[in-house]
Amino acid sequence: MRNGTCPLCHSNDVYRQAGHPLQLEKVTLKPGLFGKTSAPDRYACTSCGYLEIYLSSAEDLQTIRDSWERVSS
């Protein structure tokens, strides 16, 4: 989606809405009393309705590396 093509229907009718601190949809990056949340960017295909969300901040991604359990393959 971030490349402008929908992975589901292959349409180029993809739109992005950047995350905003006041949006209701949040991702908990670090739980706890002084936890941290982030508002993800949203990508939507207006041809089929497919929606994806992404964290774009390098700092947010590092917080996840430091705080979350890694899934082994």
Protein backbone atom coordinates (compact mmCIF):
# COMPACT_ATOMS: atom_id res chain seq x y z
CA MET A 1 0.00 0.00 0.00
CA ARG A 2 2.79 2.43 0.83
CA ASN A 3 3.98 2.17 -2.78
CA GLY A 4 0.57 3.35 -4.03
CA THR A 5 -0.72 -0.05 -5.19
CA CYS A 6 -3.32 -2.11 -3.35
CA PRO A 7 -2.02 -5.65 -2.67
CA LEU A 8 -5.56 -7.01 -2.80
CA CYS A 9 -7.03 -5.63 -6.05
CA HIS A 10 -3.88 -4.03 -7.56
CA SER A 11 -5.62 -0.67 -7.99
CA ASN A 12 -3.70 2.61 -7.80
CA ASP A 13 -6.58 4.33 -5.99
CA VAL A 14 -4.68 4.34 -2.68
CA TYR A 15 -4.90 7.23 -0.22
CA ARG A 16 -2.94 7.97 2.96
CA GLN A 17 -3.94 9.72 6.16
CA ALA A 18 -1.03 10.54 8.44
CA GLY A 19 -1.36 9.64 12.09
CA HIS A 20 -2.41 12.46 14.40
CA PRO A 21 -1.93 12.56 18.20
CA LEU A 22 -5.64 13.29 18.74
CA GLN A 23 -7.00 10.38 16.68
CA LEU A 24 -8.80 7.67 18.64
CA GLU A 25 -7.00 4.77 16.98
CA LYS A 26 -3.73 4.23 18.85
CA VAL A 27 -1.09 1.53 19.14
CA THR A 28 0.32 0.87 22.61
CA LEU A 29 4.09 0.83 22.16
CA LYS A 30 5.03 0.49 25.81
CA PRO A 31 2.42 -0.43 28.43
CA GLY A 32 2.41 0.84 31.99
CA LEU A 33 1.73 3.93 34.05
CA PHE A 34 4.10 6.00 31.94
CA GLY A 35 3.50 3.99 28.78
CA LYS A 36 3.74 5.25 25.26
CA THR A 37 1.23 5.20 22.44
CA SER A 38 1.42 6.19 18.80
CA ALA A 39 -1.11 7.14 16.14
CA PRO A 40 -0.44 5.03 13.04
CA ASP A 41 -0.65 6.20 9.44
CA ARG A 42 -3.59 4.70 7.54
CA TYR A 43 -3.70 3.65 3.90
CA ALA A 44 -6.98 2.87 2.16
CA CYS A 45 -7.84 1.58 -1.29
CA THR A 46 -10.94 3.33 -2.57
CA SER A 47 -11.50 0.62 -5.20
CA CYS A 48 -11.98 -2.35 -2.86
CA GLY A 49 -11.97 -0.81 0.64
CA TYR A 50 -8.83 -2.59 1.85
CA LEU A 51 -7.14 -0.77 4.75
CA GLU A 52 -3.64 -1.06 6.24
CA ILE A 53 -2.01 0.77 9.14
CA TYR A 54 1.70 1.49 9.63
CA LEU A 55 3.94 3.09 12.22
CA SER A 56 6.29 5.43 10.39
CA SER A 57 8.38 6.91 13.20
CA ALA A 58 11.82 5.37 13.65
CA GLU A 59 11.57 6.17 17.37
CA ASP A 60 8.26 4.26 17.64
CA LEU A 61 9.75 1.25 15.86
CA GLN A 62 12.75 1.27 18.23
CA THR A 63 10.40 1.41 21.25
CA ILE A 64 8.73 -1.74 19.94
CA ARG A 65 12.11 -3.46 19.50
CA ASP A 66 12.98 -2.55 23.09
CA SER A 67 9.61 -3.36 24.69
CA TRP A 68 7.79 -6.11 22.81
CA GLU A 69 8.46 -9.83 22.66
CA ARG A 70 10.04 -10.89 19.38
CA VAL A 71 8.28 -13.63 17.43
CA SER A 72 10.71 -16.32 16.32
CA SER A 73 10.30 -18.03 12.97
